[in-house]
């Protein structure tokens, strides 16, 4: 399959798929995080009543724009760290230069996957303890 050639600012082309446009540090700061913050604030304004009905007994916690942006950054970089172990088409230098992802490693991918599955149950019980019996008591 032919991938699109995306021009880079310092010359040359990135020869990876469109996945790499959103999976790099530059895009996390200036594309992904702002878009997710706006989406989160839009959900706060429009779906708040609907979500409260689904999670009866939940408290709505309103986070500041700064807290929301920092939370999105944390989540996006966590996602990028996970993807670095399994996708070759991540360009860490995008949109400036082409820096191929040399961190693809099946062993690291397997380890992260297993730890993620193992942590589901402890996260559930920690959420229950922190939120007085319901892990979904507090909604952002």
C-alpha atoms as a PDB file:
ATOM      1  CA  UNK A   1       0.000   0.000   0.000  1.00  0.00           C
ATOM      2  CA  UNK A   2       1.285   3.439  -0.856  1.00  0.00           C
ATOM      3  CA  UNK A   3       1.388   5.821   2.086  1.00  0.00           C
ATOM      4  CA  UNK A   4       0.899   9.549   1.525  1.00  0.00           C
ATOM      5  CA  UNK A   5       4.065  11.638   1.486  1.00  0.00           C
ATOM      6  CA  UNK A   6       3.632  14.388   4.035  1.00  0.00           C
ATOM      7  CA  UNK A   7       6.087  17.293   3.662  1.00  0.00           C
ATOM      8  CA  UNK A   8       8.179  18.162   6.712  1.00  0.00           C
ATOM      9  CA  UNK A   9       9.107  21.718   7.728  1.00  0.00           C
ATOM     10  CA  UNK A  10      12.874  21.173   7.612  1.00  0.00           C
ATOM     11  CA  UNK A  11      12.760  19.367   4.286  1.00  0.00           C
ATOM     12  CA  UNK A  12      11.997  15.901   3.137  1.00  0.00           C
ATOM     13  CA  UNK A  13       8.879  13.845   3.525  1.00  0.00           C
ATOM     14  CA  UNK A  14       7.418  11.586   6.156  1.00  0.00           C
ATOM     15  CA  UNK A  15       6.558   8.305   4.495  1.00  0.00           C
ATOM     16  CA  UNK A  16       4.286   6.910   7.156  1.00  0.00           C
ATOM     17  CA  UNK A  17       0.535   6.694   7.412  1.00  0.00           C
ATOM     18  CA  UNK A  18      -1.733   9.397   8.747  1.00  0.00           C
ATOM     19  CA  UNK A  19      -1.529   7.798  12.214  1.00  0.00           C
ATOM     20  CA  UNK A  20       1.735   9.637  12.794  1.00  0.00           C
ATOM     21  CA  UNK A  21       0.097  13.070  12.499  1.00  0.00           C
ATOM     22  CA  UNK A  22      -1.523  12.695  15.918  1.00  0.00           C
ATOM     23  CA  UNK A  23       0.993  10.346  17.549  1.00  0.00           C
ATOM     24  CA  UNK A  24       3.962  12.598  18.303  1.00  0.00           C
ATOM     25  CA  UNK A  25       4.864  15.109  21.028  1.00  0.00           C
ATOM     26  CA  UNK A  26       4.228  18.196  18.873  1.00  0.00           C
ATOM     27  CA  UNK A  27       0.698  17.144  17.964  1.00  0.00           C
ATOM     28  CA  UNK A  28      -0.098  16.147  21.530  1.00  0.00           C
ATOM     29  CA  UNK A  29       0.624  19.680  22.755  1.00  0.00           C
ATOM     30  CA  UNK A  30      -0.917  21.624  19.869  1.00  0.00           C
ATOM     31  CA  UNK A  31      -3.572  19.389  18.273  1.00  0.00           C
ATOM     32  CA  UNK A  32      -4.715  16.487  20.449  1.00  0.00           C
ATOM     33  CA  UNK A  33      -4.741  18.141  23.885  1.00  0.00           C
ATOM     34  CA  UNK A  34      -6.596  21.325  22.823  1.00  0.00           C
ATOM     35  CA  UNK A  35      -9.152  19.250  20.887  1.00  0.00           C
ATOM     36  CA  UNK A  36      -9.752  16.901  23.833  1.00  0.00           C
ATOM     37  CA  UNK A  37     -10.041  19.803  26.305  1.00  0.00           C
ATOM     38  CA  UNK A  38     -12.673  21.447  24.106  1.00  0.00           C
ATOM     39  CA  UNK A  39     -14.516  18.154  23.752  1.00  0.00           C
ATOM     40  CA  UNK A  40     -14.409  17.614  27.529  1.00  0.00           C
ATOM     41  CA  UNK A  41     -15.755  21.106  28.239  1.00  0.00           C
ATOM     42  CA  UNK A  42     -18.468  20.599  25.613  1.00  0.00           C
ATOM     43  CA  UNK A  43     -19.516  17.368  27.342  1.00  0.00           C
ATOM     44  CA  UNK A  44     -19.569  19.240  30.669  1.00  0.00           C
ATOM     45  CA  UNK A  45     -21.985  21.763  29.205  1.00  0.00           C
ATOM     46  CA  UNK A  46     -24.262  19.461  27.218  1.00  0.00           C
ATOM     47  CA  UNK A  47     -24.256  15.932  28.625  1.00  0.00           C
ATOM     48  CA  UNK A  48     -23.966  16.603  32.319  1.00  0.00           C
ATOM     49  CA  UNK A  49     -27.585  15.775  33.158  1.00  0.00           C
ATOM     50  CA  UNK A  50     -27.538  12.690  30.943  1.00  0.00           C
ATOM     51  CA  UNK A  51     -24.384  11.334  32.604  1.00  0.00           C
ATOM     52  CA  UNK A  52     -25.730  12.027  36.090  1.00  0.00           C
ATOM     53  CA  UNK A  53     -28.852   9.988  35.205  1.00  0.00           C
ATOM     54  CA  UNK A  54     -26.735   7.044  34.029  1.00  0.00           C
ATOM     55  CA  UNK A  55     -24.523   7.136  37.139  1.00  0.00           C
ATOM     56  CA  UNK A  56     -27.144   7.809  39.791  1.00  0.00           C
ATOM     57  CA  UNK A  57     -25.711   9.110  43.019  1.00  0.00           C
ATOM     58  CA  UNK A  58     -22.643  10.542  41.280  1.00  0.00           C
ATOM     59  CA  UNK A  59     -21.170  13.923  42.111  1.00  0.00           C
ATOM     60  CA  UNK A  60     -20.109  16.176  39.272  1.00  0.00           C
ATOM     61  CA  UNK A  61     -16.652  17.651  39.770  1.00  0.00           C
ATOM     62  CA  UNK A  62     -15.820  20.672  37.664  1.00  0.00           C
ATOM     63  CA  UNK A  63     -12.137  20.890  36.820  1.00  0.00           C
ATOM     64  CA  UNK A  64     -10.445  24.063  35.631  1.00  0.00           C
ATOM     65  CA  UNK A  65      -9.235  24.411  32.044  1.00  0.00           C
ATOM     66  CA  UNK A  66      -5.646  24.069  33.274  1.00  0.00           C
ATOM     67  CA  UNK A  67      -6.371  20.873  35.237  1.00  0.00           C
ATOM     68  CA  UNK A  68      -8.213  19.427  32.255  1.00  0.00           C
ATOM     69  CA  UNK A  69      -5.362  20.304  29.863  1.00  0.00           C
ATOM     70  CA  UNK A  70      -2.726  18.770  32.166  1.00  0.00           C
ATOM     71  CA  UNK A  71      -4.842  15.637  32.606  1.00  0.00           C
ATOM     72  CA  UNK A  72      -5.220  15.300  28.837  1.00  0.00           C
ATOM     73  CA  UNK A  73      -1.449  15.765  28.379  1.00  0.00           C
ATOM     74  CA  UNK A  74      -0.762  13.020  30.909  1.00  0.00           C
ATOM     75  CA  UNK A  75      -3.202  10.649  29.215  1.00  0.00           C
ATOM     76  CA  UNK A  76      -1.970  11.441  25.702  1.00  0.00           C
ATOM     77  CA  UNK A  77       1.691  10.884  26.593  1.00  0.00           C
ATOM     78  CA  UNK A  78       0.755   7.670  28.392  1.00  0.00           C
ATOM     79  CA  UNK A  79      -1.016   6.567  25.204  1.00  0.00           C
ATOM     80  CA  UNK A  80       1.975   7.569  23.087  1.00  0.00           C
ATOM     81  CA  UNK A  81       4.308   5.601  25.350  1.00  0.00           C
ATOM     82  CA  UNK A  82       2.113   2.533  24.908  1.00  0.00           C
ATOM     83  CA  UNK A  83       1.942   2.999  21.125  1.00  0.00           C
ATOM     84  CA  UNK A  84       5.709   3.408  20.815  1.00  0.00           C
ATOM     85  CA  UNK A  85       6.073  -0.267  21.689  1.00  0.00           C
ATOM     86  CA  UNK A  86       3.796  -1.473  18.880  1.00  0.00           C
ATOM     87  CA  UNK A  87       3.581   0.972  15.930  1.00  0.00           C
ATOM     88  CA  UNK A  88       6.339   1.591  13.413  1.00  0.00           C
ATOM     89  CA  UNK A  89       4.547   4.544  11.841  1.00  0.00           C
ATOM     90  CA  UNK A  90       5.148   6.976  14.712  1.00  0.00           C
ATOM     91  CA  UNK A  91       7.415   9.868  13.769  1.00  0.00           C
ATOM     92  CA  UNK A  92       8.736  11.523  16.932  1.00  0.00           C
ATOM     93  CA  UNK A  93      10.095  14.464  14.922  1.00  0.00           C
ATOM     94  CA  UNK A  94       6.879  15.341  13.109  1.00  0.00           C
ATOM     95  CA  UNK A  95       6.285  17.980  11.628  1.00  0.00           C
ATOM     96  CA  UNK A  96       9.949  19.017  11.524  1.00  0.00           C
ATOM     97  CA  UNK A  97      12.084  15.992  10.641  1.00  0.00           C
ATOM     98  CA  UNK A  98      11.611  12.284  10.115  1.00  0.00           C
ATOM     99  CA  UNK A  99      12.676  10.342  13.216  1.00  0.00           C
ATOM    100  CA  UNK A 100      11.601   6.721  12.769  1.00  0.00           C
ATOM    101  CA  UNK A 101      10.287   4.831  15.767  1.00  0.00           C
ATOM    102  CA  UNK A 102      12.963   2.388  16.843  1.00  0.00           C
ATOM    103  CA  UNK A 103      11.219   1.520  20.110  1.00  0.00           C
ATOM    104  CA  UNK A 104       8.899  -1.159  18.707  1.00  0.00           C
ATOM    105  CA  UNK A 105       9.410  -4.169  20.914  1.00  0.00           C
ATOM    106  CA  UNK A 106       7.015  -7.102  21.268  1.00  0.00           C
ATOM    107  CA  UNK A 107       8.330  -7.950  24.738  1.00  0.00           C
ATOM    108  CA  UNK A 108       7.672  -4.413  26.016  1.00  0.00           C
ATOM    109  CA  UNK A 109       4.244  -4.436  24.352  1.00  0.00           C
ATOM    110  CA  UNK A 110       3.369  -7.743  26.035  1.00  0.00           C
ATOM    111  CA  UNK A 111       4.551  -6.518  29.427  1.00  0.00           C
ATOM    112  CA  UNK A 112       2.539  -3.283  29.236  1.00  0.00           C
ATOM    113  CA  UNK A 113      -0.534  -5.217  28.114  1.00  0.00           C
ATOM    114  CA  UNK A 114      -0.266  -7.719  30.965  1.00  0.00           C
ATOM    115  CA  UNK A 115       0.325  -5.020  33.603  1.00  0.00           C
ATOM    116  CA  UNK A 116      -2.659  -3.072  32.250  1.00  0.00           C
ATOM    117  CA  UNK A 117      -4.944  -6.075  32.623  1.00  0.00           C
ATOM    118  CA  UNK A 118      -3.599  -6.844  36.085  1.00  0.00           C
ATOM    119  CA  UNK A 119      -4.187  -3.248  37.241  1.00  0.00           C
ATOM    120  CA  UNK A 120      -7.896  -3.172  36.318  1.00  0.00           C
ATOM    121  CA  UNK A 121      -9.013  -4.868  39.525  1.00  0.00           C
ATOM    122  CA  UNK A 122      -6.795  -2.857  41.935  1.00  0.00           C
ATOM    123  CA  UNK A 123      -7.880   0.381  40.217  1.00  0.00           C
ATOM    124  CA  UNK A 124     -11.522  -0.589  40.697  1.00  0.00           C
ATOM    125  CA  UNK A 125     -11.072  -1.270  44.416  1.00  0.00           C
ATOM    126  CA  UNK A 126      -8.980   1.877  44.966  1.00  0.00           C
ATOM    127  CA  UNK A 127     -11.723   3.874  43.224  1.00  0.00           C
ATOM    128  CA  UNK A 128     -14.331   2.291  45.497  1.00  0.00           C
ATOM    129  CA  UNK A 129     -12.323   3.123  48.592  1.00  0.00           C
ATOM    130  CA  UNK A 130     -11.607   6.726  47.584  1.00  0.00           C
ATOM    131  CA  UNK A 131     -15.199   7.387  46.510  1.00  0.00           C
ATOM    132  CA  UNK A 132     -17.059   5.913  49.435  1.00  0.00           C
ATOM    133  CA  UNK A 133     -18.164   2.589  47.965  1.00  0.00           C
ATOM    134  CA  UNK A 134     -18.694   3.507  44.322  1.00  0.00           C
ATOM    135  CA  UNK A 135     -15.801   3.824  41.872  1.00  0.00           C
ATOM    136  CA  UNK A 136     -17.984   6.033  39.670  1.00  0.00           C
ATOM    137  CA  UNK A 137     -19.232   8.421  42.355  1.00  0.00           C
ATOM    138  CA  UNK A 138     -17.263  11.420  41.105  1.00  0.00           C
ATOM    139  CA  UNK A 139     -17.484  12.380  37.453  1.00  0.00           C
ATOM    140  CA  UNK A 140     -15.326  14.967  35.718  1.00  0.00           C
END
